[in-house]
Amino acid sequence: MQNKSTFLLALIIGLGISSVAVAVEAAKEQLPGRVVVFDKSKGNCLACHAIPNDPKAESPGNIAPPFIMMKDRYPDRAKLRAQIWDSTQANPKTSMPPFGKHRILTEQEIDQVVDYIQSL
């Protein structure tokens, strides 16, 4: 990860300030959690959630809250992780599957999804 971070920093510096947003978006696309979020056989988060600031989030759902300002909404990473692990703890009537409890996602995948969601 250190090499990727160093490379991205060098790329941003080389490109200049005007290209920072493009570099940041390119880095987000490479996050493993994004792959899980978009994967219909894994997270399939787009079935219910919209990701308004990701233009590649096609056919977003409108059943659940959109993924915007997630770090502000969940400043405590552990609470977001718990929500993904077993959302029925906070809301027994939720339609969100308990991704960890039912082993839909691995521990590592849940951590990756939390990292991605908090980057939004």
N, C-alpha and C. Protein backbone atom coordinates (compact mmCIF):
# COMPACT_ATOMS: atom_id res chain seq x y z
N MET A 1 0.83 -1.19 0.00
CA MET A 1 0.00 0.00 0.00
C MET A 1 0.87 1.26 0.00
N GLN A 2 2.02 1.18 0.67
CA GLN A 2 2.94 2.32 0.73
C GLN A 2 3.37 2.72 -0.68
N ASN A 3 3.68 1.75 -1.52
CA ASN A 3 4.12 2.06 -2.88
C ASN A 3 3.02 2.73 -3.68
N LYS A 4 1.77 2.27 -3.53
CA LYS A 4 0.65 2.90 -4.24
C LYS A 4 0.46 4.33 -3.76
N SER A 5 0.54 4.54 -2.46
CA SER A 5 0.36 5.89 -1.90
C SER A 5 1.45 6.82 -2.40
N THR A 6 2.68 6.34 -2.39
CA THR A 6 3.80 7.15 -2.86
C THR A 6 3.63 7.47 -4.34
N PHE A 7 3.24 6.48 -5.12
CA PHE A 7 3.02 6.69 -6.55
C PHE A 7 1.92 7.72 -6.79
N LEU A 8 0.80 7.57 -6.07
CA LEU A 8 -0.31 8.51 -6.25
C LEU A 8 0.08 9.93 -5.86
N LEU A 9 0.83 10.07 -4.78
CA LEU A 9 1.28 11.39 -4.37
C LEU A 9 2.18 12.00 -5.44
N ALA A 10 3.11 11.21 -5.96
CA ALA A 10 3.99 11.71 -7.02
C ALA A 10 3.20 12.09 -8.26
N LEU A 11 2.19 11.28 -8.57
CA LEU A 11 1.34 11.56 -9.73
C LEU A 11 0.59 12.87 -9.54
N ILE A 12 0.02 13.06 -8.37
CA ILE A 12 -0.73 14.29 -8.07
C ILE A 12 0.17 15.51 -8.17
N ILE A 13 1.36 15.41 -7.60
CA ILE A 13 2.30 16.54 -7.63
C ILE A 13 2.71 16.81 -9.09
N GLY A 14 2.96 15.75 -9.83
CA GLY A 14 3.37 15.91 -11.23
C GLY A 14 2.28 16.50 -12.10
N LEU A 15 1.05 16.14 -11.81
CA LEU A 15 -0.06 16.64 -12.63
C LEU A 15 -0.47 18.05 -12.27
N GLY A 16 -0.24 18.44 -11.06
CA GLY A 16 -0.64 19.77 -10.62
C GLY A 16 -1.99 19.72 -9.92
N ILE A 17 -2.33 20.81 -9.28
CA ILE A 17 -3.54 20.91 -8.47
C ILE A 17 -4.81 20.67 -9.28
N SER A 18 -4.86 21.11 -10.52
CA SER A 18 -6.09 20.99 -11.31
C SER A 18 -6.47 19.53 -11.58
N SER A 19 -5.52 18.64 -11.50
CA SER A 19 -5.79 17.23 -11.78
C SER A 19 -5.94 16.38 -10.53
N VAL A 20 -5.92 17.00 -9.37
CA VAL A 20 -6.02 16.26 -8.11
C VAL A 20 -7.35 15.51 -8.04
N ALA A 21 -8.44 16.14 -8.40
CA ALA A 21 -9.75 15.49 -8.33
C ALA A 21 -9.80 14.25 -9.20
N VAL A 22 -9.21 14.31 -10.37
CA VAL A 22 -9.19 13.16 -11.28
C VAL A 22 -8.38 12.04 -10.66
N ALA A 23 -7.25 12.37 -10.07
CA ALA A 23 -6.39 11.36 -9.43
C ALA A 23 -7.08 10.72 -8.23
N VAL A 24 -7.80 11.53 -7.46
CA VAL A 24 -8.52 11.01 -6.29
C VAL A 24 -9.61 10.05 -6.74
N GLU A 25 -10.35 10.40 -7.77
CA GLU A 25 -11.41 9.52 -8.28
C GLU A 25 -10.81 8.22 -8.82
N ALA A 26 -9.69 8.32 -9.50
CA ALA A 26 -9.04 7.11 -10.02
C ALA A 26 -8.60 6.21 -8.87
N ALA A 27 -8.12 6.81 -7.80
CA ALA A 27 -7.71 6.02 -6.63
C ALA A 27 -8.91 5.34 -5.99
N LYS A 28 -10.04 6.03 -5.90
CA LYS A 28 -11.25 5.44 -5.31
C LYS A 28 -11.73 4.24 -6.12
N GLU A 29 -11.61 4.32 -7.44
CA GLU A 29 -12.04 3.22 -8.29
C GLU A 29 -11.22 1.97 -8.04
N GLN A 30 -10.03 2.12 -7.52
CA GLN A 30 -9.16 0.97 -7.27
C GLN A 30 -9.37 0.36 -5.89
N LEU A 31 -10.17 0.99 -5.05
CA LEU A 31 -10.39 0.47 -3.71
C LEU A 31 -11.11 -0.88 -3.78
N PRO A 32 -10.60 -1.89 -3.08
CA PRO A 32 -11.24 -3.21 -3.12
C PRO A 32 -12.69 -3.18 -2.65
N GLY A 33 -13.01 -2.30 -1.71
CA GLY A 33 -14.38 -2.20 -1.22
C GLY A 33 -15.35 -1.75 -2.28
N ARG A 34 -14.89 -0.93 -3.19
CA ARG A 34 -15.76 -0.47 -4.29
C ARG A 34 -16.16 -1.64 -5.17
N VAL A 35 -15.21 -2.54 -5.39
CA VAL A 35 -15.50 -3.73 -6.20
C VAL A 35 -16.59 -4.56 -5.52
N VAL A 36 -16.51 -4.73 -4.21
CA VAL A 36 -17.51 -5.49 -3.47
C VAL A 36 -18.86 -4.78 -3.51
N VAL A 37 -18.86 -3.48 -3.31
CA VAL A 37 -20.11 -2.69 -3.32
C VAL A 37 -20.82 -2.85 -4.66
N PHE A 38 -20.07 -2.85 -5.76
CA PHE A 38 -20.65 -2.93 -7.10
C PHE A 38 -20.97 -4.36 -7.55
N ASP A 39 -20.41 -5.34 -6.89
CA ASP A 39 -20.55 -6.74 -7.30
C ASP A 39 -21.93 -7.28 -6.95
N LYS A 40 -22.68 -7.67 -7.97
CA LYS A 40 -24.05 -8.16 -7.75
C LYS A 40 -24.09 -9.49 -7.02
N SER A 41 -23.01 -10.23 -7.03
CA SER A 41 -22.98 -11.51 -6.33
C SER A 41 -22.42 -11.37 -4.92
N LYS A 42 -22.03 -10.20 -4.53
CA LYS A 42 -21.46 -9.96 -3.20
C LYS A 42 -22.30 -8.92 -2.47
N GLY A 43 -21.77 -7.68 -2.42
CA GLY A 43 -22.46 -6.63 -1.69
C GLY A 43 -23.76 -6.20 -2.35
N ASN A 44 -23.69 -5.99 -3.65
CA ASN A 44 -24.85 -5.54 -4.42
C ASN A 44 -25.51 -4.32 -3.77
N CYS A 45 -24.72 -3.44 -3.23
CA CYS A 45 -25.23 -2.27 -2.52
C CYS A 45 -26.06 -1.36 -3.43
N LEU A 46 -25.74 -1.35 -4.72
CA LEU A 46 -26.46 -0.49 -5.66
C LEU A 46 -27.90 -0.93 -5.89
N ALA A 47 -28.25 -2.11 -5.45
CA ALA A 47 -29.65 -2.54 -5.56
C ALA A 47 -30.55 -1.68 -4.68
N CYS A 48 -30.00 -1.16 -3.59
CA CYS A 48 -30.80 -0.37 -2.65
C CYS A 48 -30.29 1.05 -2.44
N HIS A 49 -28.98 1.24 -2.58
CA HIS A 49 -28.36 2.55 -2.29
C HIS A 49 -27.92 3.24 -3.57
N ALA A 50 -28.07 4.55 -3.60
CA ALA A 50 -27.49 5.37 -4.66
C ALA A 50 -26.13 5.87 -4.19
N ILE A 51 -25.24 6.05 -5.13
CA ILE A 51 -23.94 6.66 -4.85
C ILE A 51 -23.82 7.85 -5.80
N PRO A 52 -24.44 8.98 -5.42
CA PRO A 52 -24.54 10.12 -6.33
C PRO A 52 -23.22 10.68 -6.84
N ASN A 53 -22.14 10.56 -6.06
CA ASN A 53 -20.89 11.15 -6.51
C ASN A 53 -19.99 10.15 -7.23
N ASP A 54 -20.55 9.02 -7.65
CA ASP A 54 -19.80 8.06 -8.45
C ASP A 54 -20.55 7.86 -9.76
N PRO A 55 -20.06 8.45 -10.85
CA PRO A 55 -20.78 8.37 -12.12
C PRO A 55 -20.93 6.95 -12.67
N LYS A 56 -20.13 6.01 -12.17
CA LYS A 56 -20.22 4.63 -12.66
C LYS A 56 -21.21 3.80 -11.85
N ALA A 57 -21.89 4.41 -10.92
CA ALA A 57 -22.89 3.71 -10.11
C ALA A 57 -24.20 3.69 -10.90
N GLU A 58 -24.28 2.76 -11.83
CA GLU A 58 -25.44 2.65 -12.71
C GLU A 58 -26.60 1.97 -11.99
N SER A 59 -27.81 2.32 -12.38
CA SER A 59 -29.03 1.73 -11.82
C SER A 59 -29.06 1.74 -10.29
N PRO A 60 -28.83 2.91 -9.71
CA PRO A 60 -28.82 2.95 -8.25
C PRO A 60 -30.21 2.74 -7.67
N GLY A 61 -30.24 2.14 -6.51
CA GLY A 61 -31.51 1.92 -5.83
C GLY A 61 -31.96 3.15 -5.09
N ASN A 62 -33.23 3.15 -4.70
CA ASN A 62 -33.77 4.26 -3.91
C ASN A 62 -34.53 3.73 -2.69
N ILE A 63 -34.22 2.51 -2.28
CA ILE A 63 -34.86 1.91 -1.11
C ILE A 63 -34.19 2.38 0.17
N ALA A 64 -32.88 2.51 0.13
CA ALA A 64 -32.09 2.85 1.31
C ALA A 64 -31.43 4.22 1.12
N PRO A 65 -30.89 4.78 2.20
CA PRO A 65 -30.24 6.10 2.10
C PRO A 65 -29.07 6.08 1.11
N PRO A 66 -28.86 7.18 0.41
CA PRO A 66 -27.72 7.26 -0.51
C PRO A 66 -26.40 7.32 0.26
N PHE A 67 -25.35 6.89 -0.39
CA PHE A 67 -24.02 6.94 0.19
C PHE A 67 -23.42 8.32 -0.09
N ILE A 68 -23.77 9.28 0.74
CA ILE A 68 -23.20 10.62 0.64
C ILE A 68 -22.79 11.06 2.04
N MET A 69 -21.68 11.76 2.11
CA MET A 69 -21.17 12.28 3.38
C MET A 69 -21.14 11.20 4.46
N MET A 70 -20.68 10.03 4.09
CA MET A 70 -20.74 8.88 4.99
C MET A 70 -19.82 9.02 6.20
N LYS A 71 -18.68 9.64 6.03
CA LYS A 71 -17.79 9.81 7.18
C LYS A 71 -18.41 10.76 8.20
N ASP A 72 -19.19 11.73 7.73
CA ASP A 72 -19.90 12.63 8.64
C ASP A 72 -21.07 11.91 9.31
N ARG A 73 -21.75 11.06 8.55
CA ARG A 73 -22.90 10.34 9.09
C ARG A 73 -22.48 9.21 10.04
N TYR A 74 -21.33 8.62 9.76
CA TYR A 74 -20.79 7.54 10.59
C TYR A 74 -19.34 7.88 10.97
N PRO A 75 -19.15 8.86 11.85
CA PRO A 75 -17.77 9.19 12.24
C PRO A 75 -17.09 8.05 13.00
N ASP A 76 -17.92 7.21 13.65
CA ASP A 76 -17.39 6.05 14.34
C ASP A 76 -17.40 4.87 13.38
N ARG A 77 -16.23 4.51 12.88
CA ARG A 77 -16.09 3.43 11.90
C ARG A 77 -16.73 2.14 12.39
N ALA A 78 -16.60 1.88 13.69
CA ALA A 78 -17.13 0.64 14.27
C ALA A 78 -18.66 0.56 14.13
N LYS A 79 -19.34 1.70 14.21
CA LYS A 79 -20.80 1.69 14.07
C LYS A 79 -21.22 1.38 12.63
N LEU A 80 -20.50 1.92 11.68
CA LEU A 80 -20.79 1.61 10.28
C LEU A 80 -20.52 0.13 10.01
N ARG A 81 -19.42 -0.35 10.54
CA ARG A 81 -19.08 -1.77 10.36
C ARG A 81 -20.15 -2.66 10.99
N ALA A 82 -20.61 -2.30 12.17
CA ALA A 82 -21.66 -3.07 12.84
C ALA A 82 -22.96 -3.06 12.03
N GLN A 83 -23.25 -1.94 11.40
CA GLN A 83 -24.44 -1.82 10.57
C GLN A 83 -24.37 -2.78 9.38
N ILE A 84 -23.22 -2.87 8.78
CA ILE A 84 -23.04 -3.76 7.65
C ILE A 84 -23.00 -5.22 8.12
N TRP A 85 -22.34 -5.47 9.23
CA TRP A 85 -22.22 -6.82 9.76
C TRP A 85 -23.61 -7.41 10.05
N ASP A 86 -24.44 -6.65 10.80
CA ASP A 86 -25.79 -7.14 11.14
C ASP A 86 -26.70 -5.95 11.41
N SER A 87 -27.32 -5.47 10.36
CA SER A 87 -28.19 -4.29 10.47
C SER A 87 -29.44 -4.55 11.29
N THR A 88 -29.77 -5.81 11.52
CA THR A 88 -30.97 -6.12 12.31
C THR A 88 -30.79 -5.77 13.78
N GLN A 89 -29.56 -5.57 14.22
CA GLN A 89 -29.32 -5.16 15.61
C GLN A 89 -29.87 -3.76 15.86
N ALA A 90 -29.69 -2.86 14.90
CA ALA A 90 -30.18 -1.48 15.04
C ALA A 90 -31.65 -1.37 14.64
N ASN A 91 -32.08 -2.20 13.69
CA ASN A 91 -33.45 -2.14 13.20
C ASN A 91 -33.90 -3.56 12.81
N PRO A 92 -34.63 -4.23 13.70
CA PRO A 92 -35.05 -5.60 13.41
C PRO A 92 -35.92 -5.75 12.16
N LYS A 93 -36.53 -4.66 11.68
CA LYS A 93 -37.40 -4.72 10.51
C LYS A 93 -36.70 -4.27 9.23
N THR A 94 -35.41 -4.10 9.27
CA THR A 94 -34.68 -3.63 8.11
C THR A 94 -34.74 -4.64 6.96
N SER A 95 -34.63 -4.13 5.75
CA SER A 95 -34.56 -5.03 4.59
C SER A 95 -33.10 -5.29 4.19
N MET A 96 -32.17 -4.65 4.90
CA MET A 96 -30.75 -4.85 4.61
C MET A 96 -30.30 -6.20 5.16
N PRO A 97 -29.67 -7.00 4.33
CA PRO A 97 -29.20 -8.30 4.82
C PRO A 97 -28.07 -8.15 5.83
N PRO A 98 -27.99 -9.03 6.80
CA PRO A 98 -26.86 -9.02 7.73
C PRO A 98 -25.65 -9.68 7.06
N PHE A 99 -24.85 -8.88 6.36
CA PHE A 99 -23.78 -9.38 5.51
C PHE A 99 -22.74 -10.22 6.23
N GLY A 100 -22.42 -9.85 7.45
CA GLY A 100 -21.44 -10.63 8.21
C GLY A 100 -22.06 -11.81 8.91
N LYS A 101 -23.14 -11.57 9.59
CA LYS A 101 -23.83 -12.62 10.35
C LYS A 101 -24.21 -13.80 9.46
N HIS A 102 -24.65 -13.53 8.25
CA HIS A 102 -25.04 -14.59 7.31
C HIS A 102 -23.90 -15.00 6.37
N ARG A 103 -22.72 -14.49 6.63
CA ARG A 103 -21.51 -14.83 5.86
C ARG A 103 -21.65 -14.56 4.37
N ILE A 104 -22.36 -13.49 4.06
CA ILE A 104 -22.46 -13.05 2.67
C ILE A 104 -21.13 -12.43 2.25
N LEU A 105 -20.54 -11.69 3.18
CA LEU A 105 -19.22 -11.09 2.97
C LEU A 105 -18.27 -11.59 4.05
N THR A 106 -17.00 -11.66 3.70
CA THR A 106 -15.98 -12.04 4.68
C THR A 106 -15.66 -10.84 5.57
N GLU A 107 -14.94 -11.09 6.64
CA GLU A 107 -14.48 -10.01 7.53
C GLU A 107 -13.69 -8.97 6.73
N GLN A 108 -12.79 -9.46 5.89
CA GLN A 108 -11.96 -8.56 5.09
C GLN A 108 -12.81 -7.74 4.12
N GLU A 109 -13.78 -8.36 3.48
CA GLU A 109 -14.64 -7.63 2.54
C GLU A 109 -15.46 -6.57 3.27
N ILE A 110 -15.93 -6.88 4.45
CA ILE A 110 -16.68 -5.88 5.22
C ILE A 110 -15.78 -4.70 5.56
N ASP A 111 -14.56 -4.96 5.98
CA ASP A 111 -13.62 -3.87 6.26
C ASP A 111 -13.35 -3.04 5.00
N GLN A 112 -13.23 -3.69 3.86
CA GLN A 112 -12.99 -2.98 2.61
C GLN A 112 -14.19 -2.12 2.22
N VAL A 113 -15.39 -2.65 2.42
CA VAL A 113 -16.60 -1.89 2.12
C VAL A 113 -16.69 -0.67 3.03
N VAL A 114 -16.40 -0.84 4.30
CA VAL A 114 -16.42 0.29 5.24
C VAL A 114 -15.43 1.36 4.80
N ASP A 115 -14.23 0.95 4.41
CA ASP A 115 -13.23 1.92 3.94
C ASP A 115 -13.75 2.69 2.73
N TYR A 116 -14.33 1.98 1.78
CA TYR A 116 -14.85 2.64 0.58
C TYR A 116 -16.00 3.58 0.93
N ILE A 117 -16.95 3.10 1.69
CA ILE A 117 -18.13 3.92 2.02
C ILE A 117 -17.71 5.17 2.77
N GLN A 118 -16.75 5.05 3.68
CA GLN A 118 -16.31 6.23 4.41
C GLN A 118 -15.53 7.20 3.54
N SER A 119 -15.09 6.75 2.38
CA SER A 119 -14.38 7.66 1.47
C SER A 119 -15.34 8.52 0.66
N LEU A 120 -16.63 8.21 0.72
CA LEU A 120 -17.62 8.93 -0.08
C LEU A 120 -18.09 10.21 0.61
